[in-house]
């Protein structure tokens, strides 16, 4: 998959940068799923084939990652 970018954090609190910083705090698996789905526009079906799990599992992991991301954003 992809290599997680953990280097650069932004100091501004605009929505885009706040989300980017929050994504860096996610577990690697969650980061990769959200990155593939929302930044690379990979479909759930394609992603499930690529990582070898069912579509239901990808949806479950996506939902869990989004909940975690929301929690991180609201915390900051």
N, C-alpha and C. Protein backbone atom coordinates (compact mmCIF):
# COMPACT_ATOMS: atom_id res chain seq x y z
N UNK A 1 0.82 -1.19 0.00
CA UNK A 1 0.00 0.00 0.00
C UNK A 1 0.86 1.25 0.00
N UNK A 2 0.43 2.27 0.70
CA UNK A 2 1.16 3.50 0.68
C UNK A 2 1.98 3.68 1.95
N UNK A 3 2.93 4.55 1.87
CA UNK A 3 3.75 4.86 3.04
C UNK A 3 3.12 6.06 3.74
N UNK A 4 2.86 5.93 5.02
CA UNK A 4 2.20 6.99 5.77
C UNK A 4 3.13 8.18 5.96
N UNK A 5 2.63 9.35 5.61
CA UNK A 5 3.40 10.58 5.77
C UNK A 5 3.22 11.08 7.19
N UNK A 6 4.21 10.91 8.02
CA UNK A 6 4.10 11.35 9.41
C UNK A 6 4.95 12.56 9.69
N UNK A 7 5.55 13.12 8.68
CA UNK A 7 6.47 14.21 8.87
C UNK A 7 5.87 15.56 9.16
N UNK A 8 5.24 16.17 8.21
CA UNK A 8 4.86 17.58 8.30
C UNK A 8 3.50 17.78 8.95
N UNK A 9 3.47 18.58 9.98
CA UNK A 9 2.22 18.98 10.62
C UNK A 9 2.05 20.47 10.40
N UNK A 10 0.84 20.88 10.22
CA UNK A 10 0.54 22.29 9.98
C UNK A 10 0.07 22.95 11.27
N UNK A 11 0.45 24.20 11.47
CA UNK A 11 0.13 24.89 12.71
C UNK A 11 -1.15 25.71 12.62
N UNK A 12 -1.71 25.84 11.46
CA UNK A 12 -2.95 26.59 11.30
C UNK A 12 -4.14 25.69 11.63
N UNK A 13 -5.25 26.29 12.00
CA UNK A 13 -6.42 25.50 12.40
C UNK A 13 -7.53 25.53 11.37
N UNK A 14 -7.23 25.80 10.13
CA UNK A 14 -8.27 25.74 9.12
C UNK A 14 -8.70 24.30 8.97
N UNK A 15 -9.92 24.09 8.48
CA UNK A 15 -10.50 22.75 8.41
C UNK A 15 -9.63 21.73 7.69
N UNK A 16 -9.09 22.12 6.54
CA UNK A 16 -8.27 21.20 5.74
C UNK A 16 -7.05 20.72 6.52
N UNK A 17 -6.35 21.64 7.16
CA UNK A 17 -5.14 21.27 7.88
C UNK A 17 -5.45 20.56 9.19
N UNK A 18 -6.58 20.93 9.79
CA UNK A 18 -7.00 20.26 11.01
C UNK A 18 -7.28 18.78 10.72
N UNK A 19 -7.94 18.51 9.59
CA UNK A 19 -8.22 17.14 9.23
C UNK A 19 -6.93 16.39 8.89
N UNK A 20 -6.03 17.04 8.17
CA UNK A 20 -4.76 16.41 7.82
C UNK A 20 -3.99 16.02 9.08
N UNK A 21 -3.90 16.94 10.03
CA UNK A 21 -3.19 16.65 11.28
C UNK A 21 -3.87 15.52 12.05
N UNK A 22 -5.19 15.52 12.04
CA UNK A 22 -5.93 14.47 12.74
C UNK A 22 -5.69 13.12 12.08
N UNK A 23 -5.62 13.09 10.76
CA UNK A 23 -5.38 11.82 10.07
C UNK A 23 -4.04 11.22 10.46
N UNK A 24 -3.07 12.08 10.74
CA UNK A 24 -1.75 11.58 11.13
C UNK A 24 -1.78 10.89 12.49
N UNK A 25 -2.82 11.16 13.29
CA UNK A 25 -2.94 10.53 14.60
C UNK A 25 -3.68 9.19 14.55
N UNK A 26 -4.27 8.87 13.40
CA UNK A 26 -4.98 7.60 13.26
C UNK A 26 -4.01 6.42 13.23
N UNK A 27 -4.55 5.25 13.55
CA UNK A 27 -3.76 4.03 13.36
C UNK A 27 -3.45 3.90 11.88
N UNK A 28 -2.34 3.28 11.57
CA UNK A 28 -1.88 3.16 10.19
C UNK A 28 -2.94 2.55 9.27
N UNK A 29 -3.62 1.51 9.73
CA UNK A 29 -4.64 0.83 8.91
C UNK A 29 -5.77 1.79 8.56
N UNK A 30 -6.20 2.56 9.55
CA UNK A 30 -7.29 3.51 9.32
C UNK A 30 -6.86 4.62 8.37
N UNK A 31 -5.65 5.11 8.56
CA UNK A 31 -5.11 6.15 7.68
C UNK A 31 -5.10 5.65 6.23
N UNK A 32 -4.62 4.44 6.03
CA UNK A 32 -4.51 3.89 4.68
C UNK A 32 -5.87 3.72 4.03
N UNK A 33 -6.84 3.26 4.78
CA UNK A 33 -8.18 3.06 4.22
C UNK A 33 -8.79 4.39 3.81
N UNK A 34 -8.74 5.38 4.70
CA UNK A 34 -9.31 6.68 4.37
C UNK A 34 -8.57 7.34 3.21
N UNK A 35 -7.25 7.19 3.19
CA UNK A 35 -6.45 7.77 2.11
C UNK A 35 -6.85 7.16 0.77
N UNK A 36 -6.95 5.85 0.73
CA UNK A 36 -7.31 5.16 -0.51
C UNK A 36 -8.71 5.55 -0.98
N UNK A 37 -9.66 5.59 -0.05
CA UNK A 37 -11.04 5.86 -0.42
C UNK A 37 -11.29 7.32 -0.79
N UNK A 38 -10.73 8.25 -0.05
CA UNK A 38 -11.09 9.65 -0.22
C UNK A 38 -10.06 10.49 -0.97
N UNK A 39 -8.82 10.09 -0.99
CA UNK A 39 -7.81 10.88 -1.69
C UNK A 39 -7.42 10.25 -3.03
N UNK A 40 -7.41 8.93 -3.08
CA UNK A 40 -7.08 8.25 -4.34
C UNK A 40 -8.33 7.79 -5.07
N UNK A 41 -9.51 7.98 -4.46
CA UNK A 41 -10.81 7.65 -5.06
C UNK A 41 -10.92 6.19 -5.47
N UNK A 42 -10.35 5.31 -4.66
CA UNK A 42 -10.47 3.89 -4.87
C UNK A 42 -11.84 3.45 -4.37
N UNK A 43 -12.52 2.60 -5.11
CA UNK A 43 -13.83 2.15 -4.67
C UNK A 43 -13.67 1.11 -3.56
N UNK A 44 -14.74 0.91 -2.81
CA UNK A 44 -14.72 -0.10 -1.75
C UNK A 44 -14.46 -1.47 -2.34
N UNK A 45 -15.06 -1.75 -3.49
CA UNK A 45 -14.86 -3.04 -4.15
C UNK A 45 -13.39 -3.23 -4.54
N UNK A 46 -12.78 -2.23 -5.15
CA UNK A 46 -11.37 -2.32 -5.55
C UNK A 46 -10.47 -2.48 -4.33
N UNK A 47 -10.74 -1.69 -3.29
CA UNK A 47 -9.91 -1.76 -2.09
C UNK A 47 -10.02 -3.12 -1.42
N UNK A 48 -11.22 -3.67 -1.39
CA UNK A 48 -11.39 -4.99 -0.77
C UNK A 48 -10.60 -6.06 -1.52
N UNK A 49 -10.58 -5.96 -2.85
CA UNK A 49 -9.78 -6.91 -3.63
C UNK A 49 -8.29 -6.70 -3.40
N UNK A 50 -7.86 -5.44 -3.32
CA UNK A 50 -6.44 -5.13 -3.15
C UNK A 50 -5.88 -5.64 -1.82
N UNK A 51 -6.67 -5.51 -0.75
CA UNK A 51 -6.16 -5.91 0.56
C UNK A 51 -6.65 -7.29 0.99
N UNK A 52 -7.52 -7.90 0.19
CA UNK A 52 -7.92 -9.28 0.42
C UNK A 52 -8.92 -9.48 1.55
N UNK A 53 -9.83 -8.54 1.72
CA UNK A 53 -10.89 -8.69 2.72
C UNK A 53 -12.22 -8.42 2.04
N UNK A 54 -13.32 -8.71 2.73
CA UNK A 54 -14.64 -8.50 2.14
C UNK A 54 -14.98 -7.01 2.10
N UNK A 55 -15.95 -6.67 1.26
CA UNK A 55 -16.41 -5.28 1.18
C UNK A 55 -17.02 -4.83 2.49
N UNK A 56 -17.71 -5.74 3.17
CA UNK A 56 -18.30 -5.40 4.46
C UNK A 56 -17.21 -5.02 5.47
N UNK A 57 -16.10 -5.72 5.43
CA UNK A 57 -14.99 -5.42 6.33
C UNK A 57 -14.41 -4.03 6.02
N UNK A 58 -14.28 -3.70 4.75
CA UNK A 58 -13.77 -2.39 4.37
C UNK A 58 -14.73 -1.31 4.85
N UNK A 59 -16.02 -1.51 4.65
CA UNK A 59 -17.01 -0.53 5.12
C UNK A 59 -16.95 -0.38 6.63
N UNK A 60 -16.83 -1.49 7.36
CA UNK A 60 -16.75 -1.45 8.81
C UNK A 60 -15.50 -0.69 9.26
N UNK A 61 -14.36 -0.96 8.62
CA UNK A 61 -13.12 -0.27 8.97
C UNK A 61 -13.20 1.21 8.62
N UNK A 62 -13.83 1.53 7.48
CA UNK A 62 -14.00 2.93 7.09
C UNK A 62 -14.83 3.68 8.13
N UNK A 63 -15.95 3.08 8.54
CA UNK A 63 -16.82 3.72 9.52
C UNK A 63 -16.10 3.91 10.85
N UNK A 64 -15.36 2.92 11.26
CA UNK A 64 -14.60 3.01 12.51
C UNK A 64 -13.52 4.10 12.41
N UNK A 65 -12.86 4.17 11.26
CA UNK A 65 -11.82 5.20 11.05
C UNK A 65 -12.43 6.59 11.07
N UNK A 66 -13.60 6.76 10.45
CA UNK A 66 -14.24 8.07 10.44
C UNK A 66 -14.68 8.49 11.84
N UNK A 67 -15.16 7.55 12.64
CA UNK A 67 -15.53 7.87 14.02
C UNK A 67 -14.31 8.30 14.81
N UNK A 68 -13.21 7.59 14.62
CA UNK A 68 -11.97 7.92 15.31
C UNK A 68 -11.48 9.31 14.88
N UNK A 69 -11.56 9.59 13.58
CA UNK A 69 -11.13 10.88 13.04
C UNK A 69 -11.98 12.01 13.63
N UNK A 70 -13.27 11.79 13.71
CA UNK A 70 -14.17 12.80 14.29
C UNK A 70 -13.81 13.08 15.74
N UNK A 71 -13.53 12.02 16.48
CA UNK A 71 -13.17 12.16 17.88
C UNK A 71 -11.88 12.99 18.04
N UNK A 72 -10.91 12.73 17.19
CA UNK A 72 -9.63 13.45 17.24
C UNK A 72 -9.84 14.93 16.90
N UNK A 73 -10.64 15.20 15.86
CA UNK A 73 -10.89 16.58 15.44
C UNK A 73 -11.63 17.36 16.52
N UNK A 74 -12.63 16.76 17.12
CA UNK A 74 -13.40 17.45 18.16
C UNK A 74 -12.58 17.68 19.43
N UNK A 75 -11.63 16.80 19.67
CA UNK A 75 -10.76 16.92 20.84
C UNK A 75 -9.84 18.14 20.72
N UNK A 76 -9.39 18.43 19.52
CA UNK A 76 -8.42 19.53 19.35
C UNK A 76 -9.05 20.87 19.19
